[in-house]
């Protein structure tokens, strides 16, 4: 079996990596748990882009790619079970399968649920929804990734409330997705149904990048 490699997908914006401290904290924590030695890492800078860092026992590799456009997403529920993904590694076959399934249904993203039926996360995004006056997200104890975007949103929103929710419980709610490369992404439809908008999401999107 190929050794596990850690991944960090870092946005460079306005000449710097604005969420670098959050990326580095997660990377160091996972490297310690998985026994991957880390060499000193300088934050990426320069032109606007996304930098993919891949950390392994052999060192750290970097790949650059353009920033993907931020557009409202069509999202589907996946039939692929979420197996637990507490560290951002290259062992992502379940996410690849779920996204391929969603693309066949002409969706942009898929939400995976645990074997117990609780919605966990997307293939490349973290999930959030407005629950009355509070901003909610799935519990970390479901085995979801400790997302950099989630950490940033917790900072700017005053904190998240963790809720277990099944696919039916998300229908009709104002939901949005986020990751550290694109920021906050609106959801236009969820499994073919229109998703209501919430102005608080627009405010968070404006504050996301420090």
C-alpha atoms as a PDB file:
ATOM      1  CA  UNK A   1       0.000   0.000   0.000  1.00  0.00           C
ATOM      2  CA  UNK A   2       1.284   3.467  -0.900  1.00  0.00           C
ATOM      3  CA  UNK A   3       2.241   5.600   2.140  1.00  0.00           C
ATOM      4  CA  UNK A   4      -0.259   8.249   3.170  1.00  0.00           C
ATOM      5  CA  UNK A   5       0.451  11.785   1.990  1.00  0.00           C
ATOM      6  CA  UNK A   6      -1.015  14.912   3.582  1.00  0.00           C
ATOM      7  CA  UNK A   7      -2.568  17.639   1.443  1.00  0.00           C
ATOM      8  CA  UNK A   8      -3.127  21.335   2.044  1.00  0.00           C
ATOM      9  CA  UNK A   9      -4.868  23.421  -0.621  1.00  0.00           C
ATOM     10  CA  UNK A  10      -3.836  27.015   0.018  1.00  0.00           C
ATOM     11  CA  UNK A  11      -5.312  30.128  -1.574  1.00  0.00           C
ATOM     12  CA  UNK A  12      -2.940  32.963  -2.445  1.00  0.00           C
ATOM     13  CA  UNK A  13      -4.837  36.232  -2.547  1.00  0.00           C
ATOM     14  CA  UNK A  14      -3.585  39.813  -2.763  1.00  0.00           C
ATOM     15  CA  UNK A  15      -0.018  38.547  -2.700  1.00  0.00           C
ATOM     16  CA  UNK A  16      -0.251  36.389   0.418  1.00  0.00           C
ATOM     17  CA  UNK A  17      -1.849  33.257   1.878  1.00  0.00           C
ATOM     18  CA  UNK A  18      -4.455  34.797   4.237  1.00  0.00           C
ATOM     19  CA  UNK A  19      -5.431  31.528   5.958  1.00  0.00           C
ATOM     20  CA  UNK A  20      -1.886  30.196   6.273  1.00  0.00           C
ATOM     21  CA  UNK A  21      -1.836  29.930  10.072  1.00  0.00           C
ATOM     22  CA  UNK A  22      -4.936  27.719  10.009  1.00  0.00           C
ATOM     23  CA  UNK A  23      -3.434  25.511   7.298  1.00  0.00           C
ATOM     24  CA  UNK A  24      -0.141  25.148   9.142  1.00  0.00           C
ATOM     25  CA  UNK A  25      -1.861  24.283  12.436  1.00  0.00           C
ATOM     26  CA  UNK A  26      -3.854  21.492  10.803  1.00  0.00           C
ATOM     27  CA  UNK A  27      -0.887  20.204   8.832  1.00  0.00           C
ATOM     28  CA  UNK A  28       1.330  19.989  11.898  1.00  0.00           C
ATOM     29  CA  UNK A  29      -1.376  18.266  13.934  1.00  0.00           C
ATOM     30  CA  UNK A  30      -2.020  15.625  11.280  1.00  0.00           C
ATOM     31  CA  UNK A  31       1.688  15.076  10.615  1.00  0.00           C
ATOM     32  CA  UNK A  32       2.232  14.405  14.313  1.00  0.00           C
ATOM     33  CA  UNK A  33      -0.620  11.888  14.468  1.00  0.00           C
ATOM     34  CA  UNK A  34       0.375  10.102  11.247  1.00  0.00           C
ATOM     35  CA  UNK A  35       4.112  10.159  11.903  1.00  0.00           C
ATOM     36  CA  UNK A  36       5.037  12.252   8.857  1.00  0.00           C
ATOM     37  CA  UNK A  37       8.134  14.422   9.418  1.00  0.00           C
ATOM     38  CA  UNK A  38       7.706  18.052   8.368  1.00  0.00           C
ATOM     39  CA  UNK A  39      10.444  20.290   7.093  1.00  0.00           C
ATOM     40  CA  UNK A  40      10.110  24.059   7.640  1.00  0.00           C
ATOM     41  CA  UNK A  41       7.505  25.502   5.278  1.00  0.00           C
ATOM     42  CA  UNK A  42       7.275  29.049   4.004  1.00  0.00           C
ATOM     43  CA  UNK A  43       3.813  30.347   3.130  1.00  0.00           C
ATOM     44  CA  UNK A  44       3.194  30.745  -0.594  1.00  0.00           C
ATOM     45  CA  UNK A  45       2.976  34.285  -1.916  1.00  0.00           C
ATOM     46  CA  UNK A  46       2.900  36.212  -5.182  1.00  0.00           C
ATOM     47  CA  UNK A  47       0.316  35.981  -7.915  1.00  0.00           C
ATOM     48  CA  UNK A  48      -3.245  34.922  -7.142  1.00  0.00           C
ATOM     49  CA  UNK A  49      -3.596  31.159  -7.415  1.00  0.00           C
ATOM     50  CA  UNK A  50      -4.222  27.956  -5.457  1.00  0.00           C
ATOM     51  CA  UNK A  51      -1.159  26.073  -4.195  1.00  0.00           C
ATOM     52  CA  UNK A  52      -1.514  22.368  -3.438  1.00  0.00           C
ATOM     53  CA  UNK A  53       1.032  21.222  -0.862  1.00  0.00           C
ATOM     54  CA  UNK A  54       1.677  17.479  -0.597  1.00  0.00           C
ATOM     55  CA  UNK A  55       3.626  16.368   2.490  1.00  0.00           C
ATOM     56  CA  UNK A  56       5.205  12.926   2.783  1.00  0.00           C
ATOM     57  CA  UNK A  57       8.251  11.301   4.308  1.00  0.00           C
ATOM     58  CA  UNK A  58      10.155  12.425   1.219  1.00  0.00           C
ATOM     59  CA  UNK A  59       9.448  16.114   1.729  1.00  0.00           C
ATOM     60  CA  UNK A  60       6.884  18.624   0.496  1.00  0.00           C
ATOM     61  CA  UNK A  61       5.807  19.038  -3.119  1.00  0.00           C
ATOM     62  CA  UNK A  62       3.924  22.024  -4.541  1.00  0.00           C
ATOM     63  CA  UNK A  63       1.568  22.316  -7.480  1.00  0.00           C
ATOM     64  CA  UNK A  64      -0.072  25.536  -8.670  1.00  0.00           C
ATOM     65  CA  UNK A  65      -3.459  25.892 -10.308  1.00  0.00           C
ATOM     66  CA  UNK A  66      -5.776  28.791 -11.181  1.00  0.00           C
ATOM     67  CA  UNK A  67      -8.508  29.852  -8.789  1.00  0.00           C
ATOM     68  CA  UNK A  68     -11.803  28.223  -9.750  1.00  0.00           C
ATOM     69  CA  UNK A  69     -14.755  30.577 -10.241  1.00  0.00           C
ATOM     70  CA  UNK A  70     -17.093  30.943  -7.286  1.00  0.00           C
ATOM     71  CA  UNK A  71     -20.587  30.187  -8.526  1.00  0.00           C
ATOM     72  CA  UNK A  72     -23.799  28.896  -6.990  1.00  0.00           C
ATOM     73  CA  UNK A  73     -23.631  25.102  -6.845  1.00  0.00           C
ATOM     74  CA  UNK A  74     -26.060  22.366  -7.676  1.00  0.00           C
ATOM     75  CA  UNK A  75     -25.667  19.750  -4.937  1.00  0.00           C
ATOM     76  CA  UNK A  76     -26.840  16.146  -4.704  1.00  0.00           C
ATOM     77  CA  UNK A  77     -26.945  13.604  -1.893  1.00  0.00           C
ATOM     78  CA  UNK A  78     -24.538  10.762  -2.573  1.00  0.00           C
ATOM     79  CA  UNK A  79     -25.112   7.059  -2.143  1.00  0.00           C
ATOM     80  CA  UNK A  80     -21.438   6.653  -1.190  1.00  0.00           C
ATOM     81  CA  UNK A  81     -21.045   6.269   2.584  1.00  0.00           C
ATOM     82  CA  UNK A  82     -18.716   8.609   4.423  1.00  0.00           C
ATOM     83  CA  UNK A  83     -16.017   6.402   5.993  1.00  0.00           C
ATOM     84  CA  UNK A  84     -14.414   9.026   8.236  1.00  0.00           C
ATOM     85  CA  UNK A  85     -11.832  11.548   7.073  1.00  0.00           C
ATOM     86  CA  UNK A  86     -10.168  13.171  10.105  1.00  0.00           C
ATOM     87  CA  UNK A  87      -6.969  14.109   8.210  1.00  0.00           C
ATOM     88  CA  UNK A  88      -6.664  15.675   4.770  1.00  0.00           C
ATOM     89  CA  UNK A  89      -4.788  12.943   2.928  1.00  0.00           C
ATOM     90  CA  UNK A  90      -4.596  11.689  -0.644  1.00  0.00           C
ATOM     91  CA  UNK A  91      -6.725   8.654   0.274  1.00  0.00           C
ATOM     92  CA  UNK A  92      -9.849  10.127  -1.274  1.00  0.00           C
ATOM     93  CA  UNK A  93     -11.346   7.328  -3.366  1.00  0.00           C
ATOM     94  CA  UNK A  94     -14.740   7.663  -1.638  1.00  0.00           C
ATOM     95  CA  UNK A  95     -14.875  11.382  -2.460  1.00  0.00           C
ATOM     96  CA  UNK A  96     -13.854  10.771  -6.069  1.00  0.00           C
ATOM     97  CA  UNK A  97     -16.601   8.157  -6.439  1.00  0.00           C
ATOM     98  CA  UNK A  98     -19.231  10.442  -4.902  1.00  0.00           C
ATOM     99  CA  UNK A  99     -18.288  13.391  -7.114  1.00  0.00           C
ATOM    100  CA  UNK A 100     -18.334  11.215 -10.224  1.00  0.00           C
ATOM    101  CA  UNK A 101     -21.803  10.026  -9.232  1.00  0.00           C
ATOM    102  CA  UNK A 102     -22.949  13.632  -8.782  1.00  0.00           C
ATOM    103  CA  UNK A 103     -21.562  14.670 -12.161  1.00  0.00           C
ATOM    104  CA  UNK A 104     -23.619  11.947 -13.824  1.00  0.00           C
ATOM    105  CA  UNK A 105     -26.667  13.635 -12.280  1.00  0.00           C
ATOM    106  CA  UNK A 106     -25.401  17.026 -13.555  1.00  0.00           C
ATOM    107  CA  UNK A 107     -24.622  18.242 -10.051  1.00  0.00           C
ATOM    108  CA  UNK A 108     -21.502  20.204  -9.095  1.00  0.00           C
ATOM    109  CA  UNK A 109     -20.979  18.688  -5.654  1.00  0.00           C
ATOM    110  CA  UNK A 110     -22.161  15.745  -3.559  1.00  0.00           C
ATOM    111  CA  UNK A 111     -22.897  15.467   0.161  1.00  0.00           C
ATOM    112  CA  UNK A 112     -21.902  12.194   1.806  1.00  0.00           C
ATOM    113  CA  UNK A 113     -23.654  10.723   4.837  1.00  0.00           C
ATOM    114  CA  UNK A 114     -22.349   8.310   7.436  1.00  0.00           C
ATOM    115  CA  UNK A 115     -23.541   4.731   7.545  1.00  0.00           C
ATOM    116  CA  UNK A 116     -25.884   5.865  10.333  1.00  0.00           C
ATOM    117  CA  UNK A 117     -27.502   8.343   7.946  1.00  0.00           C
ATOM    118  CA  UNK A 118     -26.090  11.645   9.231  1.00  0.00           C
ATOM    119  CA  UNK A 119     -24.942  14.161   6.633  1.00  0.00           C
ATOM    120  CA  UNK A 120     -21.179  14.646   7.017  1.00  0.00           C
ATOM    121  CA  UNK A 121     -19.517  16.791   4.325  1.00  0.00           C
ATOM    122  CA  UNK A 122     -19.052  17.326   0.620  1.00  0.00           C
ATOM    123  CA  UNK A 123     -16.341  15.886  -1.589  1.00  0.00           C
ATOM    124  CA  UNK A 124     -14.403  19.160  -1.565  1.00  0.00           C
ATOM    125  CA  UNK A 125     -16.465  21.358   0.756  1.00  0.00           C
ATOM    126  CA  UNK A 126     -17.640  21.729   4.346  1.00  0.00           C
ATOM    127  CA  UNK A 127     -21.376  22.059   5.003  1.00  0.00           C
ATOM    128  CA  UNK A 128     -23.186  24.815   6.949  1.00  0.00           C
ATOM    129  CA  UNK A 129     -26.818  25.826   7.411  1.00  0.00           C
ATOM    130  CA  UNK A 130     -28.798  28.437   9.307  1.00  0.00           C
ATOM    131  CA  UNK A 131     -30.776  26.969  12.197  1.00  0.00           C
ATOM    132  CA  UNK A 132     -32.875  29.889  13.346  1.00  0.00           C
ATOM    133  CA  UNK A 133     -30.503  32.477  14.802  1.00  0.00           C
ATOM    134  CA  UNK A 134     -27.532  30.103  14.863  1.00  0.00           C
ATOM    135  CA  UNK A 135     -25.126  28.850  12.243  1.00  0.00           C
ATOM    136  CA  UNK A 136     -24.948  25.053  12.325  1.00  0.00           C
ATOM    137  CA  UNK A 137     -22.569  22.420  10.993  1.00  0.00           C
ATOM    138  CA  UNK A 138     -22.239  18.633  11.355  1.00  0.00           C
ATOM    139  CA  UNK A 139     -20.417  17.463  14.508  1.00  0.00           C
ATOM    140  CA  UNK A 140     -16.698  16.810  14.201  1.00  0.00           C
ATOM    141  CA  UNK A 141     -17.288  13.518  16.039  1.00  0.00           C
ATOM    142  CA  UNK A 142     -18.817  12.136  12.820  1.00  0.00           C
ATOM    143  CA  UNK A 143     -15.254  11.861  11.550  1.00  0.00           C
ATOM    144  CA  UNK A 144     -15.352  14.828   9.177  1.00  0.00           C
ATOM    145  CA  UNK A 145     -12.323  16.832   8.144  1.00  0.00           C
ATOM    146  CA  UNK A 146     -11.316  19.674  10.513  1.00  0.00           C
ATOM    147  CA  UNK A 147     -11.803  22.118   7.665  1.00  0.00           C
ATOM    148  CA  UNK A 148      -9.749  25.320   7.430  1.00  0.00           C
ATOM    149  CA  UNK A 149     -12.825  27.048   6.029  1.00  0.00           C
ATOM    150  CA  UNK A 150     -14.851  25.823   9.001  1.00  0.00           C
ATOM    151  CA  UNK A 151     -12.260  27.196  11.422  1.00  0.00           C
ATOM    152  CA  UNK A 152     -12.348  30.566   9.659  1.00  0.00           C
ATOM    153  CA  UNK A 153     -16.159  30.677   9.609  1.00  0.00           C
ATOM    154  CA  UNK A 154     -16.265  29.840  13.319  1.00  0.00           C
ATOM    155  CA  UNK A 155     -14.009  32.868  13.913  1.00  0.00           C
ATOM    156  CA  UNK A 156     -16.071  35.360  11.955  1.00  0.00           C
ATOM    157  CA  UNK A 157     -19.518  34.066  12.922  1.00  0.00           C
ATOM    158  CA  UNK A 158     -19.007  34.018  16.673  1.00  0.00           C
ATOM    159  CA  UNK A 159     -19.045  30.234  16.812  1.00  0.00           C
ATOM    160  CA  UNK A 160     -20.892  27.273  15.335  1.00  0.00           C
ATOM    161  CA  UNK A 161     -23.479  24.996  16.874  1.00  0.00           C
ATOM    162  CA  UNK A 162     -23.029  21.332  15.994  1.00  0.00           C
ATOM    163  CA  UNK A 163     -26.143  19.485  14.860  1.00  0.00           C
ATOM    164  CA  UNK A 164     -26.749  15.981  13.532  1.00  0.00           C
ATOM    165  CA  UNK A 165     -28.996  16.145  10.504  1.00  0.00           C
ATOM    166  CA  UNK A 166     -30.180  13.640   7.932  1.00  0.00           C
ATOM    167  CA  UNK A 167     -30.829  14.545   4.280  1.00  0.00           C
ATOM    168  CA  UNK A 168     -34.507  15.242   4.944  1.00  0.00           C
ATOM    169  CA  UNK A 169     -33.571  17.668   7.701  1.00  0.00           C
ATOM    170  CA  UNK A 170     -31.639  19.876   5.266  1.00  0.00           C
ATOM    171  CA  UNK A 171     -34.491  20.320   2.809  1.00  0.00           C
ATOM    172  CA  UNK A 172     -35.891  23.843   2.792  1.00  0.00           C
ATOM    173  CA  UNK A 173     -33.032  25.243   4.918  1.00  0.00           C
ATOM    174  CA  UNK A 174     -30.642  28.033   3.883  1.00  0.00           C
ATOM    175  CA  UNK A 175     -27.412  26.079   3.422  1.00  0.00           C
ATOM    176  CA  UNK A 176     -24.021  26.945   2.014  1.00  0.00           C
ATOM    177  CA  UNK A 177     -20.703  25.226   1.394  1.00  0.00           C
ATOM    178  CA  UNK A 178     -17.135  26.433   1.851  1.00  0.00           C
ATOM    179  CA  UNK A 179     -13.517  25.510   1.359  1.00  0.00           C
ATOM    180  CA  UNK A 180     -10.199  27.271   1.810  1.00  0.00           C
ATOM    181  CA  UNK A 181      -9.582  27.709  -1.925  1.00  0.00           C
ATOM    182  CA  UNK A 182     -12.861  29.309  -3.013  1.00  0.00           C
ATOM    183  CA  UNK A 183     -14.284  30.620   0.256  1.00  0.00           C
ATOM    184  CA  UNK A 184     -18.041  30.549   0.796  1.00  0.00           C
ATOM    185  CA  UNK A 185     -20.169  29.103  -2.008  1.00  0.00           C
ATOM    186  CA  UNK A 186     -23.901  29.554  -2.379  1.00  0.00           C
ATOM    187  CA  UNK A 187     -26.041  26.476  -3.012  1.00  0.00           C
ATOM    188  CA  UNK A 188     -28.641  27.039  -5.710  1.00  0.00           C
ATOM    189  CA  UNK A 189     -30.288  23.623  -5.479  1.00  0.00           C
ATOM    190  CA  UNK A 190     -30.122  20.580  -3.242  1.00  0.00           C
ATOM    191  CA  UNK A 191     -31.099  17.283  -4.837  1.00  0.00           C
ATOM    192  CA  UNK A 192     -33.212  19.130  -7.401  1.00  0.00           C
ATOM    193  CA  UNK A 193     -34.964  21.455  -4.952  1.00  0.00           C
ATOM    194  CA  UNK A 194     -34.334  25.195  -4.751  1.00  0.00           C
ATOM    195  CA  UNK A 195     -32.426  26.323  -1.661  1.00  0.00           C
ATOM    196  CA  UNK A 196     -33.601  29.518   0.081  1.00  0.00           C
ATOM    197  CA  UNK A 197     -31.068  32.327   0.372  1.00  0.00           C
ATOM    198  CA  UNK A 198     -30.104  34.059   3.597  1.00  0.00           C
ATOM    199  CA  UNK A 199     -28.484  37.501   3.703  1.00  0.00           C
ATOM    200  CA  UNK A 200     -26.296  36.401   6.617  1.00  0.00           C
ATOM    201  CA  UNK A 201     -24.468  34.095   4.227  1.00  0.00           C
ATOM    202  CA  UNK A 202     -23.622  37.071   2.002  1.00  0.00           C
ATOM    203  CA  UNK A 203     -22.193  38.900   5.013  1.00  0.00           C
ATOM    204  CA  UNK A 204     -20.007  35.932   5.982  1.00  0.00           C
ATOM    205  CA  UNK A 205     -18.729  35.693   2.404  1.00  0.00           C
ATOM    206  CA  UNK A 206     -17.599  39.329   2.544  1.00  0.00           C
ATOM    207  CA  UNK A 207     -15.742  38.728   5.820  1.00  0.00           C
ATOM    208  CA  UNK A 208     -14.236  35.366   4.948  1.00  0.00           C
ATOM    209  CA  UNK A 209     -10.893  36.580   3.594  1.00  0.00           C
ATOM    210  CA  UNK A 210      -8.890  38.453   6.242  1.00  0.00           C
END
